[in-house]
Amino acid sequence: MLFKQQALLRQKLFVLGSLAIGSLLYLVARVGSLDRLQPLCPIDGRFGPRSQDEIPLRALQFKRGLLHEFRKGNATKEQIRLHNLGQQLPKAIIIGVRKGGTRALLEMLNLHPAVVKASQEIHFFDNDENYAKGIEWYRKKMPFSYPHQITIEKSPAYFITEEVPERIYKMNSSIKLLIIVREPTTRAISDYTQVLEGKERKNKTYYKFEKLAIDPNTCEVNTKYKAVRTSIYTKHLERWLKYFPIEQFHIVDGDRLITEPLPELQLVEKFLNLPPRISQYNLYFNATRGFYCLRFNIVFNKCLAGSKGRIHPEVDTSVITKLRKFFHPFNQKFYQITGRTFNWP
């Protein structure tokens, strides 16, 4: 008798468990399509009043799966027309700085349902061969998006390439420009580390950072070394200011984006005139990686590639001191121009 009661109890528990699992799977599917239960809000601000074609943010996020299919080239012309999709020129570009955190910034901004990112660096404006292909070639490199989404691309080489400001100005004189920076000496060492890793993969030798950063003839900072030149932010920014007013730039603190990303992302949302949608829910610290990872919904999480956060080689402290002293006056001018001060030594 007792055995039958136990068997009956196990059968009931199995049925209840199956129902619970089914309900959970249904909720996962539903929550994955919602904008984290936030109220509907049209994209307004710089894009003007809402039109009949405008899509609420929750609907935009719900249809991201469609965008993914179109991005893979699986869409017909009829499907594209039916869903009112197109490949738009970017309304904002992350122009630099190399090793400042451009990839992390792009991926984090892609958490916003009104943002669509170009996955690859297109190098249209800094590459003469690509630029000669024309603006239509560039547009077709963009992802599919809805009319009121913002397309963003990033190519860090734009910031330091002389021809780029004028070329972007000719495309769109009112475009929004994002620059993410880190402490200049740290950024230069990170730049060196990436090149060093590439050399080591090919079993090639490479000079030590100290030998590249310091001119052996003068014992002064070697301004011919590209990693050093790139970190003189004010020199490059002054070239851009010949074409764009400072109000069209937003400076992102790359060091803070690593340790405390949400406030930096909220500032970018405001700069782009986007309703606030990125929250702490979307960002979680991965202790194993030592970095914040991204949570799009209850189903989909994403961490940056393992190549991010490389361990830097040890650098002679006297060289670090010399570099920081060299960068100091340029940093002060950068603060003055941008109106943003950093706690750089």
C-alpha atoms as a PDB file:
ATOM      1  CA  MET A   1       0.000   0.000   0.000  1.00  0.00           C
ATOM      2  CA  LEU A   2       2.785   2.368   0.987  1.00  0.00           C
ATOM      3  CA  PHE A   3       4.643   1.537  -2.223  1.00  0.00           C
ATOM      4  CA  LYS A   4       1.572   2.449  -4.344  1.00  0.00           C
ATOM      5  CA  GLN A   5       1.173   5.788  -2.524  1.00  0.00           C
ATOM      6  CA  GLN A   6       4.844   6.606  -3.134  1.00  0.00           C
ATOM      7  CA  ALA A   7       4.534   5.707  -6.814  1.00  0.00           C
ATOM      8  CA  LEU A   8       1.407   7.873  -7.122  1.00  0.00           C
ATOM      9  CA  LEU A   9       3.204  10.763  -5.410  1.00  0.00           C
ATOM     10  CA  ARG A  10       6.168  10.449  -7.765  1.00  0.00           C
ATOM     11  CA  GLN A  11       3.790  10.454 -10.746  1.00  0.00           C
ATOM     12  CA  LYS A  12       2.095  13.659  -9.523  1.00  0.00           C
ATOM     13  CA  LEU A  13       5.450  15.344  -8.926  1.00  0.00           C
ATOM     14  CA  PHE A  14       6.550  14.397 -12.434  1.00  0.00           C
ATOM     15  CA  VAL A  15       3.397  15.949 -13.949  1.00  0.00           C
ATOM     16  CA  LEU A  16       3.813  19.123 -11.885  1.00  0.00           C
ATOM     17  CA  GLY A  17       7.501  19.309 -12.822  1.00  0.00           C
ATOM     18  CA  SER A  18       6.675  18.977 -16.512  1.00  0.00           C
ATOM     19  CA  LEU A  19       4.105  21.763 -16.249  1.00  0.00           C
ATOM     20  CA  ALA A  20       6.592  23.978 -14.425  1.00  0.00           C
ATOM     21  CA  ILE A  21       9.300  23.430 -17.046  1.00  0.00           C
ATOM     22  CA  GLY A  22       6.824  24.124 -19.853  1.00  0.00           C
ATOM     23  CA  SER A  23       5.717  27.339 -18.176  1.00  0.00           C
ATOM     24  CA  LEU A  24       9.323  28.405 -17.647  1.00  0.00           C
ATOM     25  CA  LEU A  25      10.188  27.826 -21.308  1.00  0.00           C
ATOM     26  CA  TYR A  26       7.176  29.886 -22.347  1.00  0.00           C
ATOM     27  CA  LEU A  27       8.237  32.729 -20.040  1.00  0.00           C
ATOM     28  CA  VAL A  28      11.795  32.612 -21.380  1.00  0.00           C
ATOM     29  CA  ALA A  29      10.513  32.953 -24.929  1.00  0.00           C
ATOM     30  CA  ARG A  30       8.228  35.836 -23.950  1.00  0.00           C
ATOM     31  CA  VAL A  31      10.664  37.755 -21.766  1.00  0.00           C
ATOM     32  CA  GLY A  32      13.346  37.462 -24.432  1.00  0.00           C
ATOM     33  CA  SER A  33      11.137  39.509 -26.744  1.00  0.00           C
ATOM     34  CA  LEU A  34      10.167  42.210 -24.261  1.00  0.00           C
ATOM     35  CA  ASP A  35      12.031  45.374 -23.484  1.00  0.00           C
ATOM     36  CA  ARG A  36      12.534  44.233 -19.883  1.00  0.00           C
ATOM     37  CA  LEU A  37       8.915  45.160 -19.069  1.00  0.00           C
ATOM     38  CA  GLN A  38       9.589  48.873 -19.563  1.00  0.00           C
ATOM     39  CA  PRO A  39       6.824  51.111 -20.918  1.00  0.00           C
ATOM     40  CA  LEU A  40       6.498  51.779 -24.619  1.00  0.00           C
ATOM     41  CA  CYS A  41       8.353  54.894 -25.671  1.00  0.00           C
ATOM     42  CA  PRO A  42       8.854  56.235 -29.192  1.00  0.00           C
ATOM     43  CA  ILE A  43      12.237  57.499 -30.276  1.00  0.00           C
ATOM     44  CA  ASP A  44      11.986  61.238 -30.258  1.00  0.00           C
ATOM     45  CA  GLY A  45      14.320  64.204 -29.881  1.00  0.00           C
ATOM     46  CA  ARG A  46      16.503  64.871 -32.860  1.00  0.00           C
ATOM     47  CA  PHE A  47      14.459  62.611 -35.120  1.00  0.00           C
ATOM     48  CA  GLY A  48      11.382  64.852 -34.927  1.00  0.00           C
ATOM     49  CA  PRO A  49       7.749  63.987 -34.176  1.00  0.00           C
ATOM     50  CA  ARG A  50       6.513  60.447 -34.374  1.00  0.00           C
ATOM     51  CA  SER A  51       5.209  59.384 -37.766  1.00  0.00           C
ATOM     52  CA  GLN A  52       2.850  56.577 -38.712  1.00  0.00           C
ATOM     53  CA  ASP A  53       5.818  54.449 -39.717  1.00  0.00           C
ATOM     54  CA  GLU A  54       7.625  54.825 -36.397  1.00  0.00           C
ATOM     55  CA  ILE A  55       8.056  51.635 -34.390  1.00  0.00           C
ATOM     56  CA  PRO A  56       7.955  51.566 -30.548  1.00  0.00           C
ATOM     57  CA  LEU A  57      11.189  50.475 -28.900  1.00  0.00           C
ATOM     58  CA  ARG A  58       9.685  47.248 -27.580  1.00  0.00           C
ATOM     59  CA  ALA A  59       8.654  46.276 -31.096  1.00  0.00           C
ATOM     60  CA  LEU A  60      12.148  47.058 -32.339  1.00  0.00           C
ATOM     61  CA  GLN A  61      13.668  44.699 -29.811  1.00  0.00           C
ATOM     62  CA  PHE A  62      11.018  42.060 -30.517  1.00  0.00           C
ATOM     63  CA  LYS A  63      12.025  42.055 -34.189  1.00  0.00           C
ATOM     64  CA  ARG A  64      15.776  41.881 -33.673  1.00  0.00           C
ATOM     65  CA  GLY A  65      15.660  38.235 -34.675  1.00  0.00           C
ATOM     66  CA  LEU A  66      14.440  39.315 -38.102  1.00  0.00           C
ATOM     67  CA  LEU A  67      17.308  41.771 -38.393  1.00  0.00           C
ATOM     68  CA  HIS A  68      19.728  38.960 -37.623  1.00  0.00           C
ATOM     69  CA  GLU A  69      18.319  36.871 -40.464  1.00  0.00           C
ATOM     70  CA  PHE A  70      18.511  39.787 -42.889  1.00  0.00           C
ATOM     71  CA  ARG A  71      22.073  40.486 -41.783  1.00  0.00           C
ATOM     72  CA  LYS A  72      22.999  36.918 -42.763  1.00  0.00           C
ATOM     73  CA  GLY A  73      21.626  37.543 -46.249  1.00  0.00           C
ATOM     74  CA  ASN A  74      18.595  35.279 -45.851  1.00  0.00           C
ATOM     75  CA  ALA A  75      16.003  37.927 -46.738  1.00  0.00           C
ATOM     76  CA  THR A  76      14.132  38.386 -49.998  1.00  0.00           C
ATOM     77  CA  LYS A  77      13.361  41.817 -51.431  1.00  0.00           C
ATOM     78  CA  GLU A  78       9.704  41.245 -50.597  1.00  0.00           C
ATOM     79  CA  GLN A  79      10.506  40.511 -46.935  1.00  0.00           C
ATOM     80  CA  ILE A  80      12.643  43.644 -46.723  1.00  0.00           C
ATOM     81  CA  ARG A  81       9.826  45.752 -48.217  1.00  0.00           C
ATOM     82  CA  LEU A  82       7.215  44.120 -46.010  1.00  0.00           C
ATOM     83  CA  HIS A  83       9.116  44.907 -42.805  1.00  0.00           C
ATOM     84  CA  ASN A  84      10.073  48.422 -43.952  1.00  0.00           C
ATOM     85  CA  LEU A  85      13.768  47.687 -43.513  1.00  0.00           C
ATOM     86  CA  GLY A  86      16.693  49.414 -45.129  1.00  0.00           C
ATOM     87  CA  GLN A  87      20.442  49.873 -44.968  1.00  0.00           C
ATOM     88  CA  GLN A  88      20.948  53.363 -43.593  1.00  0.00           C
ATOM     89  CA  LEU A  89      24.056  55.487 -43.463  1.00  0.00           C
ATOM     90  CA  PRO A  90      25.276  55.845 -39.867  1.00  0.00           C
ATOM     91  CA  LYS A  91      23.882  58.646 -37.744  1.00  0.00           C
ATOM     92  CA  ALA A  92      26.819  58.238 -35.362  1.00  0.00           C
ATOM     93  CA  ILE A  93      30.380  56.948 -35.770  1.00  0.00           C
ATOM     94  CA  ILE A  94      32.886  55.803 -33.159  1.00  0.00           C
ATOM     95  CA  ILE A  95      35.977  57.360 -34.728  1.00  0.00           C
ATOM     96  CA  GLY A  96      38.549  56.219 -32.149  1.00  0.00           C
ATOM     97  CA  VAL A  97      40.728  55.794 -30.322  1.00  0.00           C
ATOM     98  CA  ARG A  98      42.507  52.527 -31.087  1.00  0.00           C
ATOM     99  CA  LYS A  99      42.864  50.451 -27.893  1.00  0.00           C
ATOM    100  CA  GLY A 100      40.602  52.898 -26.112  1.00  0.00           C
ATOM    101  CA  GLY A 101      37.680  50.476 -25.924  1.00  0.00           C
ATOM    102  CA  THR A 102      35.916  51.061 -29.248  1.00  0.00           C
ATOM    103  CA  ARG A 103      34.682  47.467 -29.567  1.00  0.00           C
ATOM    104  CA  ALA A 104      33.392  47.371 -25.996  1.00  0.00           C
ATOM    105  CA  LEU A 105      31.581  50.684 -26.514  1.00  0.00           C
ATOM    106  CA  LEU A 106      29.950  49.526 -29.748  1.00  0.00           C
ATOM    107  CA  GLU A 107      28.787  46.223 -28.257  1.00  0.00           C
ATOM    108  CA  MET A 108      27.423  47.934 -25.149  1.00  0.00           C
ATOM    109  CA  LEU A 109      25.528  50.533 -27.175  1.00  0.00           C
ATOM    110  CA  ASN A 110      24.023  47.675 -29.164  1.00  0.00           C
ATOM    111  CA  LEU A 111      22.148  46.744 -25.974  1.00  0.00           C
ATOM    112  CA  HIS A 112      19.839  49.651 -26.770  1.00  0.00           C
ATOM    113  CA  PRO A 113      16.885  48.491 -28.903  1.00  0.00           C
ATOM    114  CA  ALA A 114      17.076  51.653 -31.035  1.00  0.00           C
ATOM    115  CA  VAL A 115      20.720  51.056 -31.980  1.00  0.00           C
ATOM    116  CA  VAL A 116      21.959  48.811 -34.787  1.00  0.00           C
ATOM    117  CA  LYS A 117      25.692  48.233 -35.191  1.00  0.00           C
ATOM    118  CA  ALA A 118      27.880  47.487 -38.161  1.00  0.00           C
ATOM    119  CA  SER A 119      29.644  44.343 -36.954  1.00  0.00           C
ATOM    120  CA  GLN A 120      32.892  44.840 -38.839  1.00  0.00           C
ATOM    121  CA  GLU A 121      35.230  47.810 -39.160  1.00  0.00           C
ATOM    122  CA  ILE A 122      34.441  49.058 -42.657  1.00  0.00           C
ATOM    123  CA  HIS A 123      37.417  51.415 -43.128  1.00  0.00           C
ATOM    124  CA  PHE A 124      35.583  53.449 -45.747  1.00  0.00           C
ATOM    125  CA  PHE A 125      36.860  56.925 -44.955  1.00  0.00           C
ATOM    126  CA  ASP A 126      40.479  56.015 -44.149  1.00  0.00           C
ATOM    127  CA  ASN A 127      41.056  53.620 -47.044  1.00  0.00           C
ATOM    128  CA  ASP A 128      41.472  55.298 -50.444  1.00  0.00           C
ATOM    129  CA  GLU A 129      40.521  52.152 -52.351  1.00  0.00           C
ATOM    130  CA  ASN A 130      37.298  51.720 -50.365  1.00  0.00           C
ATOM    131  CA  TYR A 131      36.479  55.424 -50.513  1.00  0.00           C
ATOM    132  CA  ALA A 132      36.785  55.383 -54.299  1.00  0.00           C
ATOM    133  CA  LYS A 133      33.963  52.810 -54.412  1.00  0.00           C
ATOM    134  CA  GLY A 134      31.531  55.524 -53.392  1.00  0.00           C
ATOM    135  CA  ILE A 135      28.950  56.238 -50.717  1.00  0.00           C
ATOM    136  CA  GLU A 136      26.499  53.636 -52.036  1.00  0.00           C
ATOM    137  CA  TRP A 137      29.110  50.910 -51.478  1.00  0.00           C
ATOM    138  CA  TYR A 138      29.483  52.186 -47.913  1.00  0.00           C
ATOM    139  CA  ARG A 139      25.731  52.211 -47.311  1.00  0.00           C
ATOM    140  CA  LYS A 140      25.412  48.621 -48.486  1.00  0.00           C
ATOM    141  CA  LYS A 141      27.956  47.608 -45.845  1.00  0.00           C
ATOM    142  CA  MET A 142      25.513  48.731 -43.166  1.00  0.00           C
ATOM    143  CA  PRO A 143      23.141  46.337 -41.362  1.00  0.00           C
ATOM    144  CA  PHE A 144      19.424  46.316 -42.047  1.00  0.00           C
ATOM    145  CA  SER A 145      17.468  48.526 -39.682  1.00  0.00           C
ATOM    146  CA  TYR A 146      14.085  50.132 -39.141  1.00  0.00           C
ATOM    147  CA  PRO A 147      13.646  53.779 -40.200  1.00  0.00           C
ATOM    148  CA  HIS A 148      13.953  55.233 -36.708  1.00  0.00           C
ATOM    149  CA  GLN A 149      16.855  53.153 -35.487  1.00  0.00           C
ATOM    150  CA  ILE A 150      20.355  54.597 -35.311  1.00  0.00           C
ATOM    151  CA  THR A 151      23.053  52.799 -37.259  1.00  0.00           C
ATOM    152  CA  ILE A 152      26.510  53.085 -35.685  1.00  0.00           C
ATOM    153  CA  GLU A 153      29.842  51.953 -37.066  1.00  0.00           C
ATOM    154  CA  LYS A 154      33.327  52.103 -35.598  1.00  0.00           C
ATOM    155  CA  SER A 155      36.730  52.345 -37.225  1.00  0.00           C
ATOM    156  CA  PRO A 156      39.413  53.595 -34.801  1.00  0.00           C
ATOM    157  CA  ALA A 157      41.794  54.535 -37.612  1.00  0.00           C
ATOM    158  CA  TYR A 158      39.418  57.383 -38.550  1.00  0.00           C
ATOM    159  CA  PHE A 159      40.608  59.500 -35.620  1.00  0.00           C
ATOM    160  CA  ILE A 160      44.246  59.688 -36.716  1.00  0.00           C
ATOM    161  CA  THR A 161      43.854  59.702 -40.540  1.00  0.00           C
ATOM    162  CA  GLU A 162      44.164  63.182 -42.028  1.00  0.00           C
ATOM    163  CA  GLU A 163      41.659  62.821 -44.883  1.00  0.00           C
ATOM    164  CA  VAL A 164      38.831  61.398 -42.778  1.00  0.00           C
ATOM    165  CA  PRO A 165      37.267  64.527 -41.164  1.00  0.00           C
ATOM    166  CA  GLU A 166      36.641  66.196 -44.522  1.00  0.00           C
ATOM    167  CA  ARG A 167      35.297  62.987 -46.053  1.00  0.00           C
ATOM    168  CA  ILE A 168      32.824  62.403 -43.223  1.00  0.00           C
ATOM    169  CA  TYR A 169      31.797  66.072 -43.331  1.00  0.00           C
ATOM    170  CA  LYS A 170      30.930  65.721 -47.019  1.00  0.00           C
ATOM    171  CA  MET A 171      28.697  62.746 -46.193  1.00  0.00           C
ATOM    172  CA  ASN A 172      26.924  64.322 -43.219  1.00  0.00           C
ATOM    173  CA  SER A 173      27.974  67.618 -41.645  1.00  0.00           C
ATOM    174  CA  SER A 174      25.683  67.073 -38.628  1.00  0.00           C
ATOM    175  CA  ILE A 175      26.753  63.518 -37.742  1.00  0.00           C
ATOM    176  CA  LYS A 176      27.422  62.582 -34.110  1.00  0.00           C
ATOM    177  CA  LEU A 177      31.014  61.575 -33.364  1.00  0.00           C
ATOM    178  CA  LEU A 178      32.108  59.401 -30.447  1.00  0.00           C
ATOM    179  CA  ILE A 179      35.692  59.264 -29.170  1.00  0.00           C
ATOM    180  CA  ILE A 180      36.656  56.845 -26.405  1.00  0.00           C
ATOM    181  CA  VAL A 181      39.993  57.517 -24.703  1.00  0.00           C
ATOM    182  CA  ARG A 182      42.140  55.940 -22.013  1.00  0.00           C
ATOM    183  CA  GLU A 183      45.096  57.227 -20.022  1.00  0.00           C
ATOM    184  CA  PRO A 184      47.580  57.899 -22.880  1.00  0.00           C
ATOM    185  CA  THR A 185      50.537  55.881 -21.560  1.00  0.00           C
ATOM    186  CA  THR A 186      48.344  52.866 -20.742  1.00  0.00           C
ATOM    187  CA  ARG A 187      46.757  53.115 -24.193  1.00  0.00           C
ATOM    188  CA  ALA A 188      50.195  53.210 -25.878  1.00  0.00           C
ATOM    189  CA  ILE A 189      51.331  50.093 -23.987  1.00  0.00           C
ATOM    190  CA  SER A 190      48.066  48.341 -24.892  1.00  0.00           C
ATOM    191  CA  ASP A 191      48.650  49.269 -28.537  1.00  0.00           C
ATOM    192  CA  TYR A 192      52.165  47.788 -28.341  1.00  0.00           C
ATOM    193  CA  THR A 193      50.850  44.635 -26.636  1.00  0.00           C
ATOM    194  CA  GLN A 194      48.403  43.912 -29.458  1.00  0.00           C
ATOM    195  CA  VAL A 195      51.124  44.269 -32.093  1.00  0.00           C
ATOM    196  CA  LEU A 196      53.500  42.146 -30.003  1.00  0.00           C
ATOM    197  CA  GLU A 197      50.939  39.350 -29.745  1.00  0.00           C
ATOM    198  CA  GLY A 198      50.482  39.378 -33.512  1.00  0.00           C
ATOM    199  CA  LYS A 199      54.235  39.075 -34.017  1.00  0.00           C
ATOM    200  CA  GLU A 200      54.493  36.213 -31.543  1.00  0.00           C
ATOM    201  CA  ARG A 201      51.712  34.293 -33.288  1.00  0.00           C
ATOM    202  CA  LYS A 202      53.827  34.427 -36.438  1.00  0.00           C
ATOM    203  CA  ASN A 203      56.973  33.431 -34.507  1.00  0.00           C
ATOM    204  CA  LYS A 204      58.516  36.816 -35.207  1.00  0.00           C
ATOM    205  CA  THR A 205      60.644  38.853 -32.833  1.00  0.00           C
ATOM    206  CA  TYR A 206      59.806  42.416 -31.842  1.00  0.00           C
ATOM    207  CA  TYR A 207      61.504  45.248 -30.028  1.00  0.00           C
ATOM    208  CA  LYS A 208      60.764  45.946 -26.392  1.00  0.00           C
ATOM    209  CA  PHE A 209      58.347  48.787 -25.754  1.00  0.00           C
ATOM    210  CA  GLU A 210      61.061  50.907 -24.127  1.00  0.00           C
ATOM    211  CA  LYS A 211      63.206  50.789 -27.255  1.00  0.00           C
ATOM    212  CA  LEU A 212      60.321  51.911 -29.465  1.00  0.00           C
ATOM    213  CA  ALA A 213      58.916  54.608 -27.181  1.00  0.00           C
ATOM    214  CA  ILE A 214      62.238  56.292 -26.379  1.00  0.00           C
ATOM    215  CA  ASP A 215      64.561  57.661 -29.072  1.00  0.00           C
ATOM    216  CA  PRO A 216      67.984  56.047 -28.383  1.00  0.00           C
ATOM    217  CA  ASN A 217      69.822  59.065 -29.837  1.00  0.00           C
ATOM    218  CA  THR A 218      68.145  61.757 -27.738  1.00  0.00           C
ATOM    219  CA  CYS A 219      66.776  59.663 -24.846  1.00  0.00           C
ATOM    220  CA  GLU A 220      63.516  61.596 -25.297  1.00  0.00           C
ATOM    221  CA  VAL A 221      60.041  60.322 -26.184  1.00  0.00           C
ATOM    222  CA  ASN A 222      59.960  59.039 -29.754  1.00  0.00           C
ATOM    223  CA  THR A 223      57.094  60.921 -31.409  1.00  0.00           C
ATOM    224  CA  LYS A 224      57.671  58.977 -34.637  1.00  0.00           C
ATOM    225  CA  TYR A 225      56.417  55.831 -32.915  1.00  0.00           C
ATOM    226  CA  LYS A 226      52.773  55.439 -33.931  1.00  0.00           C
ATOM    227  CA  ALA A 227      51.594  54.211 -30.530  1.00  0.00           C
ATOM    228  CA  VAL A 228      52.928  57.430 -28.983  1.00  0.00           C
ATOM    229  CA  ARG A 229      51.486  59.705 -31.710  1.00  0.00           C
ATOM    230  CA  THR A 230      48.035  58.158 -31.392  1.00  0.00           C
ATOM    231  CA  SER A 231      47.955  59.036 -27.667  1.00  0.00           C
ATOM    232  CA  ILE A 232      48.460  62.763 -28.369  1.00  0.00           C
ATOM    233  CA  TYR A 233      44.687  63.154 -28.512  1.00  0.00           C
ATOM    234  CA  THR A 234      44.566  66.932 -28.793  1.00  0.00           C
ATOM    235  CA  LYS A 235      46.653  66.997 -31.987  1.00  0.00           C
ATOM    236  CA  HIS A 236      44.187  64.766 -33.793  1.00  0.00           C
ATOM    237  CA  LEU A 237      41.092  66.421 -32.323  1.00  0.00           C
ATOM    238  CA  GLU A 238      42.226  69.862 -33.500  1.00  0.00           C
ATOM    239  CA  ARG A 239      42.161  68.567 -37.074  1.00  0.00           C
ATOM    240  CA  TRP A 240      38.577  67.369 -36.641  1.00  0.00           C
ATOM    241  CA  LEU A 241      37.527  70.720 -35.181  1.00  0.00           C
ATOM    242  CA  LYS A 242      38.272  72.373 -38.505  1.00  0.00           C
ATOM    243  CA  TYR A 243      35.145  70.646 -39.828  1.00  0.00           C
ATOM    244  CA  PHE A 244      32.897  69.898 -36.836  1.00  0.00           C
ATOM    245  CA  PRO A 245      31.979  71.940 -33.752  1.00  0.00           C
ATOM    246  CA  ILE A 246      32.876  70.467 -30.379  1.00  0.00           C
ATOM    247  CA  GLU A 247      29.150  69.968 -29.652  1.00  0.00           C
ATOM    248  CA  GLN A 248      29.080  67.140 -32.207  1.00  0.00           C
ATOM    249  CA  PHE A 249      31.671  65.158 -30.258  1.00  0.00           C
ATOM    250  CA  HIS A 250      31.173  63.084 -27.155  1.00  0.00           C
ATOM    251  CA  ILE A 251      34.210  61.908 -25.199  1.00  0.00           C
ATOM    252  CA  VAL A 252      33.851  58.538 -23.478  1.00  0.00           C
ATOM    253  CA  ASP A 253      36.096  57.596 -20.556  1.00  0.00           C
ATOM    254  CA  GLY A 254      37.475  54.209 -21.627  1.00  0.00           C
ATOM    255  CA  ASP A 255      39.014  53.501 -18.221  1.00  0.00           C
ATOM    256  CA  ARG A 256      35.675  54.090 -16.498  1.00  0.00           C
ATOM    257  CA  LEU A 257      33.847  52.025 -19.111  1.00  0.00           C
ATOM    258  CA  ILE A 258      35.878  49.044 -17.871  1.00  0.00           C
ATOM    259  CA  THR A 259      35.178  49.521 -14.157  1.00  0.00           C
ATOM    260  CA  GLU A 260      31.824  51.329 -14.122  1.00  0.00           C
ATOM    261  CA  PRO A 261      30.207  51.129 -17.571  1.00  0.00           C
ATOM    262  CA  LEU A 262      26.611  52.172 -16.888  1.00  0.00           C
ATOM    263  CA  PRO A 263      27.170  55.910 -16.175  1.00  0.00           C
ATOM    264  CA  GLU A 264      29.265  56.234 -19.323  1.00  0.00           C
ATOM    265  CA  LEU A 265      26.600  54.513 -21.430  1.00  0.00           C
ATOM    266  CA  GLN A 266      23.886  56.734 -19.984  1.00  0.00           C
ATOM    267  CA  LEU A 267      25.874  59.800 -21.042  1.00  0.00           C
ATOM    268  CA  VAL A 268      26.090  58.412 -24.577  1.00  0.00           C
ATOM    269  CA  GLU A 269      22.334  57.731 -24.639  1.00  0.00           C
ATOM    270  CA  LYS A 270      21.763  61.373 -23.725  1.00  0.00           C
ATOM    271  CA  PHE A 271      24.231  62.600 -26.357  1.00  0.00           C
ATOM    272  CA  LEU A 272      22.458  60.555 -29.051  1.00  0.00           C
ATOM    273  CA  ASN A 273      19.049  61.781 -27.862  1.00  0.00           C
ATOM    274  CA  LEU A 274      17.929  58.241 -27.123  1.00  0.00           C
ATOM    275  CA  PRO A 275      15.423  57.387 -24.397  1.00  0.00           C
ATOM    276  CA  PRO A 276      17.232  55.636 -21.520  1.00  0.00           C
ATOM    277  CA  ARG A 277      17.015  51.886 -22.002  1.00  0.00           C
ATOM    278  CA  ILE A 278      20.365  50.446 -20.905  1.00  0.00           C
ATOM    279  CA  SER A 279      20.267  49.524 -17.219  1.00  0.00           C
ATOM    280  CA  GLN A 280      22.324  47.634 -14.666  1.00  0.00           C
ATOM    281  CA  TYR A 281      20.309  44.571 -15.648  1.00  0.00           C
ATOM    282  CA  ASN A 282      22.174  44.568 -18.968  1.00  0.00           C
ATOM    283  CA  LEU A 283      25.647  44.551 -17.399  1.00  0.00           C
ATOM    284  CA  TYR A 284      27.095  41.921 -15.098  1.00  0.00           C
ATOM    285  CA  PHE A 285      30.651  41.492 -13.887  1.00  0.00           C
ATOM    286  CA  ASN A 286      32.355  38.277 -14.926  1.00  0.00           C
ATOM    287  CA  ALA A 287      34.910  37.530 -12.221  1.00  0.00           C
ATOM    288  CA  THR A 288      36.676  34.950 -14.386  1.00  0.00           C
ATOM    289  CA  ARG A 289      37.186  37.384 -17.265  1.00  0.00           C
ATOM    290  CA  GLY A 290      37.667  40.398 -15.039  1.00  0.00           C
ATOM    291  CA  PHE A 291      35.320  42.445 -17.231  1.00  0.00           C
ATOM    292  CA  TYR A 292      31.662  43.323 -17.513  1.00  0.00           C
ATOM    293  CA  CYS A 293      29.634  41.145 -19.868  1.00  0.00           C
ATOM    294  CA  LEU A 294      26.367  41.970 -21.604  1.00  0.00           C
ATOM    295  CA  ARG A 295      22.878  40.647 -20.867  1.00  0.00           C
ATOM    296  CA  PHE A 296      20.412  41.331 -23.672  1.00  0.00           C
ATOM    297  CA  ASN A 297      17.588  39.380 -22.037  1.00  0.00           C
ATOM    298  CA  ILE A 298      17.014  36.339 -19.848  1.00  0.00           C
ATOM    299  CA  VAL A 299      18.191  34.061 -22.660  1.00  0.00           C
ATOM    300  CA  PHE A 300      21.059  35.830 -24.407  1.00  0.00           C
ATOM    301  CA  ASN A 301      24.317  36.923 -22.720  1.00  0.00           C
ATOM    302  CA  LYS A 302      27.546  37.964 -24.407  1.00  0.00           C
ATOM    303  CA  CYS A 303      31.138  38.592 -23.328  1.00  0.00           C
ATOM    304  CA  LEU A 304      33.776  40.291 -25.441  1.00  0.00           C
ATOM    305  CA  ALA A 305      36.381  38.201 -27.245  1.00  0.00           C
ATOM    306  CA  GLY A 306      39.129  36.617 -25.204  1.00  0.00           C
ATOM    307  CA  SER A 307      41.688  38.855 -26.928  1.00  0.00           C
ATOM    308  CA  LYS A 308      40.290  41.811 -24.969  1.00  0.00           C
ATOM    309  CA  GLY A 309      42.067  42.628 -21.738  1.00  0.00           C
ATOM    310  CA  ARG A 310      45.486  41.311 -22.713  1.00  0.00           C
ATOM    311  CA  ILE A 311      48.081  41.284 -19.929  1.00  0.00           C
ATOM    312  CA  HIS A 312      50.564  44.078 -20.578  1.00  0.00           C
ATOM    313  CA  PRO A 313      54.301  43.412 -20.409  1.00  0.00           C
ATOM    314  CA  GLU A 314      56.250  45.026 -17.602  1.00  0.00           C
ATOM    315  CA  VAL A 315      57.634  48.394 -18.637  1.00  0.00           C
ATOM    316  CA  ASP A 316      60.511  50.260 -17.001  1.00  0.00           C
ATOM    317  CA  THR A 317      59.022  52.740 -14.507  1.00  0.00           C
ATOM    318  CA  SER A 318      61.380  55.501 -15.649  1.00  0.00           C
ATOM    319  CA  VAL A 319      59.980  55.164 -19.176  1.00  0.00           C
ATOM    320  CA  ILE A 320      56.406  55.318 -17.876  1.00  0.00           C
ATOM    321  CA  THR A 321      57.281  58.454 -15.880  1.00  0.00           C
ATOM    322  CA  LYS A 322      58.899  60.056 -18.936  1.00  0.00           C
ATOM    323  CA  LEU A 323      55.870  59.292 -21.105  1.00  0.00           C
ATOM    324  CA  ARG A 324      53.397  60.657 -18.567  1.00  0.00           C
ATOM    325  CA  LYS A 325      55.420  63.847 -18.246  1.00  0.00           C
ATOM    326  CA  PHE A 326      55.471  64.135 -22.052  1.00  0.00           C
ATOM    327  CA  PHE A 327      51.702  63.628 -22.415  1.00  0.00           C
ATOM    328  CA  HIS A 328      50.774  65.963 -19.539  1.00  0.00           C
ATOM    329  CA  PRO A 329      50.580  69.298 -21.441  1.00  0.00           C
ATOM    330  CA  PHE A 330      48.677  67.659 -24.294  1.00  0.00           C
ATOM    331  CA  ASN A 331      46.238  66.171 -21.781  1.00  0.00           C
ATOM    332  CA  GLN A 332      45.635  69.571 -20.182  1.00  0.00           C
ATOM    333  CA  LYS A 333      44.789  71.054 -23.567  1.00  0.00           C
ATOM    334  CA  PHE A 334      42.514  68.101 -24.315  1.00  0.00           C
ATOM    335  CA  TYR A 335      40.619  68.742 -21.070  1.00  0.00           C
ATOM    336  CA  GLN A 336      40.263  72.404 -21.986  1.00  0.00           C
ATOM    337  CA  ILE A 337      38.937  71.735 -25.490  1.00  0.00           C
ATOM    338  CA  THR A 338      36.498  68.966 -24.565  1.00  0.00           C
ATOM    339  CA  GLY A 339      35.341  70.282 -21.212  1.00  0.00           C
ATOM    340  CA  ARG A 340      35.951  66.896 -19.645  1.00  0.00           C
ATOM    341  CA  THR A 341      38.703  66.240 -17.102  1.00  0.00           C
ATOM    342  CA  PHE A 342      40.250  62.850 -16.411  1.00  0.00           C
ATOM    343  CA  ASN A 343      42.305  61.694 -13.445  1.00  0.00           C
ATOM    344  CA  TRP A 344      45.335  60.960 -15.566  1.00  0.00           C
ATOM    345  CA  PRO A 345      48.755  61.297 -13.868  1.00  0.00           C
END
